[in-house]
Every structure is written in structure tokens, then in C-alpha cells.
Amino acid sequence: MNRTILTYGGYFEAFMESLQEKEREKIQYGLLLLKTQNRLSTKFVKHIKDGVYELRTEYAGNIYRVFFIFDDGNIVVLFNGFQKKTQKTPQNEIDKALKIKEEYYADKRSQNT
């Protein structure tokens, strides 16, 4: 398995810029697993809603989430990320990921016409 990982809208890059190097390395490790492993446990990946998943990372007692979708069964498109501070994933972060997903597919459709 070797998935292609893309980003969309600069959200993921902005999130990564806000992190320390060790935190970025830990998230990159999760991305490597996502890229190369056929199936990942819910410790690393969890379905959230409407085809949006979260990549789950924990480092030094902090919890980080990066939203993504699978596109064409193989390409992983990364959206927004955030540091999780509550037990439940905040609804506003989920809503933001769903909105970005809609924008992504709208852009993709407009490029294919």
C-alpha cells in the first residue's frame, strides 16, 4: 500500500507551522502509517462523519487531530488540524472539516468540467 497524500487549502500547512518540531515529527509518523498501511487501528484513525476521518496523534500529554478524506480510494487529502483540549472533538472543528470537504469537491468538479 502506498497512498498519495495531498493537502488542500493550506490549512494543514498552517497547522503544522504552529507546532514544535517534535510534534510535527509525531504527526509525520502518523502520516507515514496512513500512507503505507492498509488498515490502521482506531488509536490512529477514526471516522468522524460523512467520509471525514481524523488522524489521531498524542505527544507529551497533548492530543492533536488532523482531518482528512480518502479520494478515489487512494489519495488522502489533508484538511484542518488542531490541538484537542476536551474529551469530545469540538463540533466547530468537525463543521470546519465538512465545509473544507465541500469546497474541495466543488473545486475538483470545476476543474473537471
PDB file of N, CA and C in Angstrom:
ATOM      1  N   MET A   1       0.856  -1.185   0.000  1.00  0.00           N
ATOM      2  CA  MET A   1       0.000   0.000   0.000  1.00  0.00           C
ATOM      3  C   MET A   1       0.891   1.234   0.000  1.00  0.00           C
ATOM      4  N   ASN A   2       0.621   2.124  -0.906  1.00  0.00           N
ATOM      5  CA  ASN A   2       1.348   3.392  -0.921  1.00  0.00           C
ATOM      6  C   ASN A   2       0.403   4.487  -1.403  1.00  0.00           C
ATOM      7  N   ARG A   3      -0.318   5.071  -0.464  1.00  0.00           N
ATOM      8  CA  ARG A   3      -1.277   6.128  -0.797  1.00  0.00           C
ATOM      9  C   ARG A   3      -0.546   7.428  -1.098  1.00  0.00           C
ATOM     10  N   THR A   4      -1.174   8.213  -1.940  1.00  0.00           N
ATOM     11  CA  THR A   4      -0.683   9.558  -2.202  1.00  0.00           C
ATOM     12  C   THR A   4      -1.343  10.495  -1.201  1.00  0.00           C
ATOM     13  N   ILE A   5      -0.560  11.351  -0.581  1.00  0.00           N
ATOM     14  CA  ILE A   5      -1.111  12.298   0.385  1.00  0.00           C
ATOM     15  C   ILE A   5      -1.008  13.702  -0.183  1.00  0.00           C
ATOM     16  N   LEU A   6      -2.161  14.349  -0.297  1.00  0.00           N
ATOM     17  CA  LEU A   6      -2.235  15.727  -0.772  1.00  0.00           C
ATOM     18  C   LEU A   6      -2.772  16.604   0.348  1.00  0.00           C
ATOM     19  N   THR A   7      -2.556  17.899   0.214  1.00  0.00           N
ATOM     20  CA  THR A   7      -3.191  18.834   1.140  1.00  0.00           C
ATOM     21  C   THR A   7      -4.075  19.759   0.319  1.00  0.00           C
ATOM     22  N   TYR A   8      -5.000  20.404   0.992  1.00  0.00           N
ATOM     23  CA  TYR A   8      -5.922  21.299   0.298  1.00  0.00           C
ATOM     24  C   TYR A   8      -6.122  22.575   1.110  1.00  0.00           C
ATOM     25  N   GLY A   9      -5.995  23.691   0.441  1.00  0.00           N
ATOM     26  CA  GLY A   9      -6.354  24.975   1.038  1.00  0.00           C
ATOM     27  C   GLY A   9      -5.345  25.588   1.985  1.00  0.00           C
ATOM     28  N   GLY A  10      -4.220  24.922   2.216  1.00  0.00           N
ATOM     29  CA  GLY A  10      -3.196  25.472   3.104  1.00  0.00           C
ATOM     30  C   GLY A  10      -3.492  25.332   4.587  1.00  0.00           C
ATOM     31  N   TYR A  11      -4.614  24.713   4.939  1.00  0.00           N
ATOM     32  CA  TYR A  11      -4.991  24.583   6.350  1.00  0.00           C
ATOM     33  C   TYR A  11      -4.014  23.702   7.115  1.00  0.00           C
ATOM     34  N   PHE A  12      -3.670  22.571   6.501  1.00  0.00           N
ATOM     35  CA  PHE A  12      -2.763  21.633   7.160  1.00  0.00           C
ATOM     36  C   PHE A  12      -1.383  22.260   7.354  1.00  0.00           C
ATOM     37  N   GLU A  13      -0.887  22.938   6.318  1.00  0.00           N
ATOM     38  CA  GLU A  13       0.431  23.574   6.415  1.00  0.00           C
ATOM     39  C   GLU A  13       0.451  24.617   7.529  1.00  0.00           C
ATOM     40  N   ALA A  14      -0.618  25.405   7.625  1.00  0.00           N
ATOM     41  CA  ALA A  14      -0.698  26.434   8.670  1.00  0.00           C
ATOM     42  C   ALA A  14      -0.698  25.784  10.055  1.00  0.00           C
ATOM     43  N   PHE A  15      -1.417  24.673  10.186  1.00  0.00           N
ATOM     44  CA  PHE A  15      -1.448  23.950  11.457  1.00  0.00           C
ATOM     45  C   PHE A  15      -0.052  23.434  11.813  1.00  0.00           C
ATOM     46  N   MET A  16       0.619  22.810  10.851  1.00  0.00           N
ATOM     47  CA  MET A  16       1.954  22.257  11.106  1.00  0.00           C
ATOM     48  C   MET A  16       2.947  23.353  11.485  1.00  0.00           C
ATOM     49  N   GLU A  17       2.820  24.528  10.861  1.00  0.00           N
ATOM     50  CA  GLU A  17       3.705  25.662  11.181  1.00  0.00           C
ATOM     51  C   GLU A  17       3.574  26.082  12.641  1.00  0.00           C
ATOM     52  N   SER A  18       2.394  25.867  13.216  1.00  0.00           N
ATOM     53  CA  SER A  18       2.139  26.314  14.589  1.00  0.00           C
ATOM     54  C   SER A  18       2.726  25.361  15.636  1.00  0.00           C
ATOM     55  N   LEU A  19       3.243  24.217  15.205  1.00  0.00           N
ATOM     56  CA  LEU A  19       3.710  23.190  16.139  1.00  0.00           C
ATOM     57  C   LEU A  19       5.225  23.226  16.326  1.00  0.00           C
ATOM     58  N   GLN A  20       5.655  22.618  17.424  1.00  0.00           N
ATOM     59  CA  GLN A  20       7.083  22.416  17.676  1.00  0.00           C
ATOM     60  C   GLN A  20       7.575  21.267  16.793  1.00  0.00           C
ATOM     61  N   GLU A  21       8.885  21.180  16.599  1.00  0.00           N
ATOM     62  CA  GLU A  21       9.440  20.157  15.712  1.00  0.00           C
ATOM     63  C   GLU A  21       9.073  18.740  16.136  1.00  0.00           C
ATOM     64  N   LYS A  22       9.142  18.419  17.421  1.00  0.00           N
ATOM     65  CA  LYS A  22       8.827  17.059  17.898  1.00  0.00           C
ATOM     66  C   LYS A  22       7.363  16.715  17.626  1.00  0.00           C
ATOM     67  N   GLU A  23       6.473  17.702  17.777  1.00  0.00           N
ATOM     68  CA  GLU A  23       5.058  17.470  17.499  1.00  0.00           C
ATOM     69  C   GLU A  23       4.853  17.206  16.010  1.00  0.00           C
ATOM     70  N   ARG A  24       5.534  17.966  15.176  1.00  0.00           N
ATOM     71  CA  ARG A  24       5.444  17.756  13.721  1.00  0.00           C
ATOM     72  C   ARG A  24       5.949  16.364  13.344  1.00  0.00           C
ATOM     73  N   GLU A  25       7.066  15.955  13.960  1.00  0.00           N
ATOM     74  CA  GLU A  25       7.622  14.623  13.663  1.00  0.00           C
ATOM     75  C   GLU A  25       6.631  13.524  14.017  1.00  0.00           C
ATOM     76  N   LYS A  26       5.954  13.679  15.124  1.00  0.00           N
ATOM     77  CA  LYS A  26       4.987  12.671  15.563  1.00  0.00           C
ATOM     78  C   LYS A  26       3.811  12.593  14.578  1.00  0.00           C
ATOM     79  N   ILE A  27       3.342  13.749  14.118  1.00  0.00           N
ATOM     80  CA  ILE A  27       2.255  13.763  13.137  1.00  0.00           C
ATOM     81  C   ILE A  27       2.744  13.179  11.816  1.00  0.00           C
ATOM     82  N   GLN A  28       3.972  13.480  11.425  1.00  0.00           N
ATOM     83  CA  GLN A  28       4.541  12.916  10.191  1.00  0.00           C
ATOM     84  C   GLN A  28       4.602  11.389  10.275  1.00  0.00           C
ATOM     85  N   TYR A  29       4.880  10.863  11.460  1.00  0.00           N
ATOM     86  CA  TYR A  29       4.895   9.409  11.643  1.00  0.00           C
ATOM     87  C   TYR A  29       3.494   8.837  11.381  1.00  0.00           C
ATOM     88  N   GLY A  30       2.472   9.496  11.903  1.00  0.00           N
ATOM     89  CA  GLY A  30       1.091   9.068  11.653  1.00  0.00           C
ATOM     90  C   GLY A  30       0.763   9.106  10.173  1.00  0.00           C
ATOM     91  N   LEU A  31       1.260  10.141   9.487  1.00  0.00           N
ATOM     92  CA  LEU A  31       1.037  10.248   8.043  1.00  0.00           C
ATOM     93  C   LEU A  31       1.732   9.125   7.283  1.00  0.00           C
ATOM     94  N   LEU A  32       2.925   8.761   7.744  1.00  0.00           N
ATOM     95  CA  LEU A  32       3.649   7.651   7.120  1.00  0.00           C
ATOM     96  C   LEU A  32       2.840   6.357   7.253  1.00  0.00           C
ATOM     97  N   LEU A  33       2.268   6.122   8.431  1.00  0.00           N
ATOM     98  CA  LEU A  33       1.423   4.940   8.614  1.00  0.00           C
ATOM     99  C   LEU A  33       0.216   4.993   7.681  1.00  0.00           C
ATOM    100  N   LEU A  34      -0.396   6.159   7.603  1.00  0.00           N
ATOM    101  CA  LEU A  34      -1.567   6.341   6.744  1.00  0.00           C
ATOM    102  C   LEU A  34      -1.214   6.075   5.283  1.00  0.00           C
ATOM    103  N   LYS A  35      -0.024   6.474   4.900  1.00  0.00           N
ATOM    104  CA  LYS A  35       0.432   6.321   3.522  1.00  0.00           C
ATOM    105  C   LYS A  35       0.750   4.866   3.182  1.00  0.00           C
ATOM    106  N   THR A  36       1.284   4.116   4.139  1.00  0.00           N
ATOM    107  CA  THR A  36       1.840   2.801   3.830  1.00  0.00           C
ATOM    108  C   THR A  36       1.043   1.612   4.357  1.00  0.00           C
ATOM    109  N   GLN A  37       0.174   1.808   5.325  1.00  0.00           N
ATOM    110  CA  GLN A  37      -0.545   0.680   5.920  1.00  0.00           C
ATOM    111  C   GLN A  37      -1.946   0.575   5.339  1.00  0.00           C
ATOM    112  N   ASN A  38      -2.370  -0.659   5.095  1.00  0.00           N
ATOM    113  CA  ASN A  38      -3.698  -0.884   4.535  1.00  0.00           C
ATOM    114  C   ASN A  38      -4.786  -0.514   5.532  1.00  0.00           C
ATOM    115  N   ARG A  39      -4.628  -0.920   6.769  1.00  0.00           N
ATOM    116  CA  ARG A  39      -5.615  -0.629   7.816  1.00  0.00           C
ATOM    117  C   ARG A  39      -4.884  -0.123   9.055  1.00  0.00           C
ATOM    118  N   LEU A  40      -5.492   0.864   9.703  1.00  0.00           N
ATOM    119  CA  LEU A  40      -4.930   1.385  10.945  1.00  0.00           C
ATOM    120  C   LEU A  40      -5.970   1.258  12.056  1.00  0.00           C
ATOM    121  N   SER A  41      -5.493   1.034  13.272  1.00  0.00           N
ATOM    122  CA  SER A  41      -6.417   0.911  14.401  1.00  0.00           C
ATOM    123  C   SER A  41      -7.019   2.280  14.727  1.00  0.00           C
ATOM    124  N   THR A  42      -8.085   2.248  15.504  1.00  0.00           N
ATOM    125  CA  THR A  42      -8.738   3.500  15.893  1.00  0.00           C
ATOM    126  C   THR A  42      -7.851   4.338  16.808  1.00  0.00           C
ATOM    127  N   LYS A  43      -6.755   3.766  17.262  1.00  0.00           N
ATOM    128  CA  LYS A  43      -5.777   4.569  18.006  1.00  0.00           C
ATOM    129  C   LYS A  43      -5.205   5.666  17.095  1.00  0.00           C
ATOM    130  N   PHE A  44      -5.124   5.387  15.794  1.00  0.00           N
ATOM    131  CA  PHE A  44      -4.532   6.330  14.838  1.00  0.00           C
ATOM    132  C   PHE A  44      -5.564   7.025  13.947  1.00  0.00           C
ATOM    133  N   VAL A  45      -6.613   6.309  13.544  1.00  0.00           N
ATOM    134  CA  VAL A  45      -7.582   6.860  12.593  1.00  0.00           C
ATOM    135  C   VAL A  45      -8.991   6.549  13.074  1.00  0.00           C
ATOM    136  N   LYS A  46      -9.851   7.563  12.976  1.00  0.00           N
ATOM    137  CA  LYS A  46     -11.243   7.363  13.366  1.00  0.00           C
ATOM    138  C   LYS A  46     -12.145   8.071  12.367  1.00  0.00           C
ATOM    139  N   HIS A  47     -13.230   7.376  11.940  1.00  0.00           N
ATOM    140  CA  HIS A  47     -14.220   8.015  11.065  1.00  0.00           C
ATOM    141  C   HIS A  47     -15.030   8.991  11.907  1.00  0.00           C
ATOM    142  N   ILE A  48     -15.194  10.201  11.405  1.00  0.00           N
ATOM    143  CA  ILE A  48     -15.940  11.218  12.141  1.00  0.00           C
ATOM    144  C   ILE A  48     -17.356  11.353  11.609  1.00  0.00           C
ATOM    145  N   LYS A  49     -17.479  11.730  10.318  1.00  0.00           N
ATOM    146  CA  LYS A  49     -18.804  11.975   9.760  1.00  0.00           C
ATOM    147  C   LYS A  49     -18.682  12.225   8.263  1.00  0.00           C
ATOM    148  N   ASP A  50     -19.623  11.691   7.489  1.00  0.00           N
ATOM    149  CA  ASP A  50     -19.730  11.974   6.051  1.00  0.00           C
ATOM    150  C   ASP A  50     -18.407  11.808   5.293  1.00  0.00           C
ATOM    151  N   GLY A  51     -17.689  10.738   5.573  1.00  0.00           N
ATOM    152  CA  GLY A  51     -16.439  10.475   4.848  1.00  0.00           C
ATOM    153  C   GLY A  51     -15.241  11.248   5.345  1.00  0.00           C
ATOM    154  N   VAL A  52     -15.401  12.005   6.428  1.00  0.00           N
ATOM    155  CA  VAL A  52     -14.274  12.733   7.024  1.00  0.00           C
ATOM    156  C   VAL A  52     -13.714  11.887   8.172  1.00  0.00           C
ATOM    157  N   TYR A  53     -12.397  11.733   8.158  1.00  0.00           N
ATOM    158  CA  TYR A  53     -11.695  10.972   9.192  1.00  0.00           C
ATOM    159  C   TYR A  53     -10.757  11.890   9.946  1.00  0.00           C
ATOM    160  N   GLU A  54     -10.308  11.421  11.108  1.00  0.00           N
ATOM    161  CA  GLU A  54      -9.276  12.165  11.821  1.00  0.00           C
ATOM    162  C   GLU A  54      -8.071  11.275  12.042  1.00  0.00           C
ATOM    163  N   LEU A  55      -6.895  11.850  11.804  1.00  0.00           N
ATOM    164  CA  LEU A  55      -5.626  11.212  12.152  1.00  0.00           C
ATOM    165  C   LEU A  55      -5.341  11.635  13.577  1.00  0.00           C
ATOM    166  N   ARG A  56      -5.141  10.667  14.456  1.00  0.00           N
ATOM    167  CA  ARG A  56      -5.014  10.936  15.888  1.00  0.00           C
ATOM    168  C   ARG A  56      -3.551  10.813  16.306  1.00  0.00           C
ATOM    169  N   THR A  57      -3.059  11.846  16.963  1.00  0.00           N
ATOM    170  CA  THR A  57      -1.672  11.877  17.411  1.00  0.00           C
ATOM    171  C   THR A  57      -1.627  12.356  18.848  1.00  0.00           C
ATOM    172  N   GLU A  58      -0.788  11.709  19.636  1.00  0.00           N
ATOM    173  CA  GLU A  58      -0.594  12.128  21.014  1.00  0.00           C
ATOM    174  C   GLU A  58       0.903  12.316  21.236  1.00  0.00           C
ATOM    175  N   TYR A  59       1.253  13.421  21.888  1.00  0.00           N
ATOM    176  CA  TYR A  59       2.659  13.677  22.170  1.00  0.00           C
ATOM    177  C   TYR A  59       2.774  14.513  23.442  1.00  0.00           C
ATOM    178  N   ALA A  60       3.577  14.054  24.364  1.00  0.00           N
ATOM    179  CA  ALA A  60       3.870  14.775  25.616  1.00  0.00           C
ATOM    180  C   ALA A  60       2.584  15.219  26.321  1.00  0.00           C
ATOM    181  N   GLY A  61       1.603  14.339  26.364  1.00  0.00           N
ATOM    182  CA  GLY A  61       0.359  14.643  27.064  1.00  0.00           C
ATOM    183  C   GLY A  61      -0.608  15.515  26.285  1.00  0.00           C
ATOM    184  N   ASN A  62      -0.235  15.947  25.088  1.00  0.00           N
ATOM    185  CA  ASN A  62      -1.123  16.738  24.237  1.00  0.00           C
ATOM    186  C   ASN A  62      -1.700  15.857  23.141  1.00  0.00           C
ATOM    187  N   ILE A  63      -2.899  16.191  22.716  1.00  0.00           N
ATOM    188  CA  ILE A  63      -3.591  15.413  21.691  1.00  0.00           C
ATOM    189  C   ILE A  63      -3.802  16.299  20.470  1.00  0.00           C
ATOM    190  N   TYR A  64      -3.448  15.765  19.310  1.00  0.00           N
ATOM    191  CA  TYR A  64      -3.584  16.506  18.053  1.00  0.00           C
ATOM    192  C   TYR A  64      -4.448  15.705  17.098  1.00  0.00           C
ATOM    193  N   ARG A  65      -5.239  16.417  16.312  1.00  0.00           N
ATOM    194  CA  ARG A  65      -6.097  15.784  15.316  1.00  0.00           C
ATOM    195  C   ARG A  65      -5.908  16.492  13.981  1.00  0.00           C
ATOM    196  N   VAL A  66      -5.884  15.698  12.911  1.00  0.00           N
ATOM    197  CA  VAL A  66      -5.840  16.239  11.548  1.00  0.00           C
ATOM    198  C   VAL A  66      -6.960  15.567  10.777  1.00  0.00           C
ATOM    199  N   PHE A  67      -7.850  16.363  10.205  1.00  0.00           N
ATOM    200  CA  PHE A  67      -8.954  15.814   9.428  1.00  0.00           C
ATOM    201  C   PHE A  67      -8.507  15.525   8.009  1.00  0.00           C
ATOM    202  N   PHE A  68      -9.055  14.443   7.447  1.00  0.00           N
ATOM    203  CA  PHE A  68      -8.729  14.083   6.064  1.00  0.00           C
ATOM    204  C   PHE A  68      -9.859  13.273   5.459  1.00  0.00           C
ATOM    205  N   ILE A  69      -9.794  13.129   4.129  1.00  0.00           N
ATOM    206  CA  ILE A  69     -10.719  12.260   3.403  1.00  0.00           C
ATOM    207  C   ILE A  69      -9.899  11.354   2.493  1.00  0.00           C
ATOM    208  N   PHE A  70     -10.502  10.248   2.086  1.00  0.00           N
ATOM    209  CA  PHE A  70      -9.934   9.420   1.032  1.00  0.00           C
ATOM    210  C   PHE A  70     -10.609   9.881  -0.257  1.00  0.00           C
ATOM    211  N   ASP A  71      -9.836  10.060  -1.300  1.00  0.00           N
ATOM    212  CA  ASP A  71     -10.399  10.462  -2.579  1.00  0.00           C
ATOM    213  C   ASP A  71      -9.926   9.460  -3.629  1.00  0.00           C
ATOM    214  N   ASP A  72     -10.841   8.976  -4.425  1.00  0.00           N
ATOM    215  CA  ASP A  72     -10.552   7.937  -5.416  1.00  0.00           C
ATOM    216  C   ASP A  72      -9.932   6.708  -4.755  1.00  0.00           C
ATOM    217  N   GLY A  73     -10.314   6.454  -3.509  1.00  0.00           N
ATOM    218  CA  GLY A  73      -9.885   5.265  -2.799  1.00  0.00           C
ATOM    219  C   GLY A  73      -8.430   5.250  -2.376  1.00  0.00           C
ATOM    220  N   ASN A  74      -7.640   6.187  -2.822  1.00  0.00           N
ATOM    221  CA  ASN A  74      -6.214   6.100  -2.568  1.00  0.00           C
ATOM    222  C   ASN A  74      -5.625   7.402  -2.044  1.00  0.00           C
ATOM    223  N   ILE A  75      -6.019   8.498  -2.634  1.00  0.00           N
ATOM    224  CA  ILE A  75      -5.418   9.776  -2.274  1.00  0.00           C
ATOM    225  C   ILE A  75      -5.992  10.249  -0.953  1.00  0.00           C
ATOM    226  N   VAL A  76      -5.147  10.638  -0.047  1.00  0.00           N
ATOM    227  CA  VAL A  76      -5.578  11.177   1.230  1.00  0.00           C
ATOM    228  C   VAL A  76      -5.416  12.681   1.153  1.00  0.00           C
ATOM    229  N   VAL A  77      -6.496  13.404   1.328  1.00  0.00           N
ATOM    230  CA  VAL A  77      -6.448  14.857   1.259  1.00  0.00           C
ATOM    231  C   VAL A  77      -6.559  15.402   2.677  1.00  0.00           C
ATOM    232  N   LEU A  78      -5.533  16.100   3.122  1.00  0.00           N
ATOM    233  CA  LEU A  78      -5.492  16.619   4.483  1.00  0.00           C
ATOM    234  C   LEU A  78      -6.140  17.992   4.558  1.00  0.00           C
ATOM    235  N   PHE A  79      -6.930  18.174   5.590  1.00  0.00           N
ATOM    236  CA  PHE A  79      -7.609  19.436   5.816  1.00  0.00           C
ATOM    237  C   PHE A  79      -7.037  20.104   7.055  1.00  0.00           C
ATOM    238  N   ASN A  80      -7.927  20.592   7.895  1.00  0.00           N
ATOM    239  CA  ASN A  80      -7.513  21.325   9.089  1.00  0.00           C
ATOM    240  C   ASN A  80      -7.022  20.388  10.195  1.00  0.00           C
ATOM    241  N   GLY A  81      -6.203  20.940  11.068  1.00  0.00           N
ATOM    242  CA  GLY A  81      -5.727  20.224  12.245  1.00  0.00           C
ATOM    243  C   GLY A  81      -5.890  21.126  13.455  1.00  0.00           C
ATOM    244  N   PHE A  82      -5.861  20.517  14.626  1.00  0.00           N
ATOM    245  CA  PHE A  82      -5.984  21.313  15.847  1.00  0.00           C
ATOM    246  C   PHE A  82      -5.464  20.516  17.028  1.00  0.00           C
ATOM    247  N   GLN A  83      -5.190  21.237  18.117  1.00  0.00           N
ATOM    248  CA  GLN A  83      -4.818  20.577  19.361  1.00  0.00           C
ATOM    249  C   GLN A  83      -6.095  20.377  20.152  1.00  0.00           C
ATOM    250  N   LYS A  84      -6.338  19.145  20.522  1.00  0.00           N
ATOM    251  CA  LYS A  84      -7.574  18.792  21.213  1.00  0.00           C
ATOM    252  C   LYS A  84      -7.404  19.052  22.704  1.00  0.00           C
ATOM    253  N   LYS A  85      -8.359  19.790  23.276  1.00  0.00           N
ATOM    254  CA  LYS A  85      -8.257  20.141  24.688  1.00  0.00           C
ATOM    255  C   LYS A  85      -9.430  19.622  25.507  1.00  0.00           C
ATOM    256  N   THR A  86     -10.403  18.998  24.833  1.00  0.00           N
ATOM    257  CA  THR A  86     -11.571  18.476  25.531  1.00  0.00           C
ATOM    258  C   THR A  86     -11.746  17.001  25.186  1.00  0.00           C
ATOM    259  N   GLN A  87     -12.608  16.329  25.930  1.00  0.00           N
ATOM    260  CA  GLN A  87     -12.851  14.900  25.720  1.00  0.00           C
ATOM    261  C   GLN A  87     -13.416  14.630  24.327  1.00  0.00           C
ATOM    262  N   LYS A  88     -14.401  15.439  23.930  1.00  0.00           N
ATOM    263  CA  LYS A  88     -15.035  15.252  22.627  1.00  0.00           C
ATOM    264  C   LYS A  88     -14.377  16.159  21.598  1.00  0.00           C
ATOM    265  N   THR A  89     -14.355  15.681  20.340  1.00  0.00           N
ATOM    266  CA  THR A  89     -13.868  16.529  19.253  1.00  0.00           C
ATOM    267  C   THR A  89     -14.843  17.693  19.104  1.00  0.00           C
ATOM    268  N   PRO A  90     -14.350  18.933  19.172  1.00  0.00           N
ATOM    269  CA  PRO A  90     -15.256  20.094  19.110  1.00  0.00           C
ATOM    270  C   PRO A  90     -16.058  20.126  17.808  1.00  0.00           C
ATOM    271  N   GLN A  91     -17.362  20.397  17.928  1.00  0.00           N
ATOM    272  CA  GLN A  91     -18.251  20.417  16.771  1.00  0.00           C
ATOM    273  C   GLN A  91     -17.810  21.455  15.744  1.00  0.00           C
ATOM    274  N   ASN A  92     -17.287  22.598  16.208  1.00  0.00           N
ATOM    275  CA  ASN A  92     -16.871  23.627  15.245  1.00  0.00           C
ATOM    276  C   ASN A  92     -15.712  23.146  14.381  1.00  0.00           C
ATOM    277  N   GLU A  93     -14.834  22.304  14.917  1.00  0.00           N
ATOM    278  CA  GLU A  93     -13.734  21.737  14.120  1.00  0.00           C
ATOM    279  C   GLU A  93     -14.270  20.733  13.097  1.00  0.00           C
ATOM    280  N   ILE A  94     -15.253  19.946  13.506  1.00  0.00           N
ATOM    281  CA  ILE A  94     -15.874  18.990  12.584  1.00  0.00           C
ATOM    282  C   ILE A  94     -16.585  19.752  11.465  1.00  0.00           C
ATOM    283  N   ASP A  95     -17.332  20.799  11.838  1.00  0.00           N
ATOM    284  CA  ASP A  95     -18.045  21.608  10.839  1.00  0.00           C
ATOM    285  C   ASP A  95     -17.068  22.239   9.854  1.00  0.00           C
ATOM    286  N   LYS A  96     -15.933  22.706  10.367  1.00  0.00           N
ATOM    287  CA  LYS A  96     -14.915  23.313   9.503  1.00  0.00           C
ATOM    288  C   LYS A  96     -14.396  22.271   8.498  1.00  0.00           C
ATOM    289  N   ALA A  97     -14.131  21.054   8.965  1.00  0.00           N
ATOM    290  CA  ALA A  97     -13.637  19.987   8.076  1.00  0.00           C
ATOM    291  C   ALA A  97     -14.677  19.639   7.012  1.00  0.00           C
ATOM    292  N   LEU A  98     -15.948  19.589   7.392  1.00  0.00           N
ATOM    293  CA  LEU A  98     -17.008  19.276   6.429  1.00  0.00           C
ATOM    294  C   LEU A  98     -17.125  20.382   5.378  1.00  0.00           C
ATOM    295  N   LYS A  99     -16.974  21.623   5.803  1.00  0.00           N
ATOM    296  CA  LYS A  99     -17.034  22.763   4.880  1.00  0.00           C
ATOM    297  C   LYS A  99     -15.845  22.703   3.901  1.00  0.00           C
ATOM    298  N   ILE A 100     -14.662  22.394   4.418  1.00  0.00           N
ATOM    299  CA  ILE A 100     -13.478  22.295   3.564  1.00  0.00           C
ATOM    300  C   ILE A 100     -13.661  21.151   2.558  1.00  0.00           C
ATOM    301  N   LYS A 101     -14.256  20.052   3.018  1.00  0.00           N
ATOM    302  CA  LYS A 101     -14.516  18.912   2.121  1.00  0.00           C
ATOM    303  C   LYS A 101     -15.425  19.347   0.971  1.00  0.00           C
ATOM    304  N   GLU A 102     -16.484  20.095   1.280  1.00  0.00           N
ATOM    305  CA  GLU A 102     -17.392  20.589   0.236  1.00  0.00           C
ATOM    306  C   GLU A 102     -16.639  21.477  -0.749  1.00  0.00           C
ATOM    307  N   GLU A 103     -15.796  22.374  -0.234  1.00  0.00           N
ATOM    308  CA  GLU A 103     -15.000  23.255  -1.091  1.00  0.00           C
ATOM    309  C   GLU A 103     -14.079  22.431  -1.999  1.00  0.00           C
ATOM    310  N   TYR A 104     -13.455  21.419  -1.420  1.00  0.00           N
ATOM    311  CA  TYR A 104     -12.530  20.562  -2.181  1.00  0.00           C
ATOM    312  C   TYR A 104     -13.253  19.920  -3.365  1.00  0.00           C
ATOM    313  N   TYR A 105     -14.418  19.296  -3.094  1.00  0.00           N
ATOM    314  CA  TYR A 105     -15.141  18.619  -4.174  1.00  0.00           C
ATOM    315  C   TYR A 105     -15.699  19.615  -5.192  1.00  0.00           C
ATOM    316  N   ALA A 106     -16.104  20.800  -4.738  1.00  0.00           N
ATOM    317  CA  ALA A 106     -16.574  21.838  -5.672  1.00  0.00           C
ATOM    318  C   ALA A 106     -15.429  22.261  -6.593  1.00  0.00           C
ATOM    319  N   ASP A 107     -14.239  22.469  -6.025  1.00  0.00           N
ATOM    320  CA  ASP A 107     -13.066  22.823  -6.835  1.00  0.00           C
ATOM    321  C   ASP A 107     -12.723  21.710  -7.812  1.00  0.00           C
ATOM    322  N   LYS A 108     -12.794  20.481  -7.334  1.00  0.00           N
ATOM    323  CA  LYS A 108     -12.455  19.332  -8.177  1.00  0.00           C
ATOM    324  C   LYS A 108     -13.428  19.232  -9.351  1.00  0.00           C
ATOM    325  N   ARG A 109     -14.730  19.426  -9.059  1.00  0.00           N
ATOM    326  CA  ARG A 109     -15.740  19.383 -10.133  1.00  0.00           C
ATOM    327  C   ARG A 109     -15.491  20.489 -11.146  1.00  0.00           C
ATOM    328  N   SER A 110     -15.171  21.688 -10.674  1.00  0.00           N
ATOM    329  CA  SER A 110     -14.985  22.812 -11.594  1.00  0.00           C
ATOM    330  C   SER A 110     -13.745  22.612 -12.469  1.00  0.00           C
ATOM    331  N   GLN A 111     -12.766  21.878 -11.972  1.00  0.00           N
ATOM    332  CA  GLN A 111     -11.556  21.590 -12.767  1.00  0.00           C
ATOM    333  C   GLN A 111     -11.807  20.508 -13.808  1.00  0.00           C
ATOM    334  N   ASN A 112     -12.793  19.655 -13.531  1.00  0.00           N
ATOM    335  CA  ASN A 112     -13.076  18.535 -14.440  1.00  0.00           C
ATOM    336  C   ASN A 112     -14.111  18.879 -15.501  1.00  0.00           C
ATOM    337  N   THR A 113     -14.637  20.088 -15.483  1.00  0.00           N
ATOM    338  CA  THR A 113     -15.650  20.447 -16.493  1.00  0.00           C
ATOM    339  C   THR A 113     -15.073  21.327 -17.557  1.00  0.00           C
TER     340      THR A 113
END
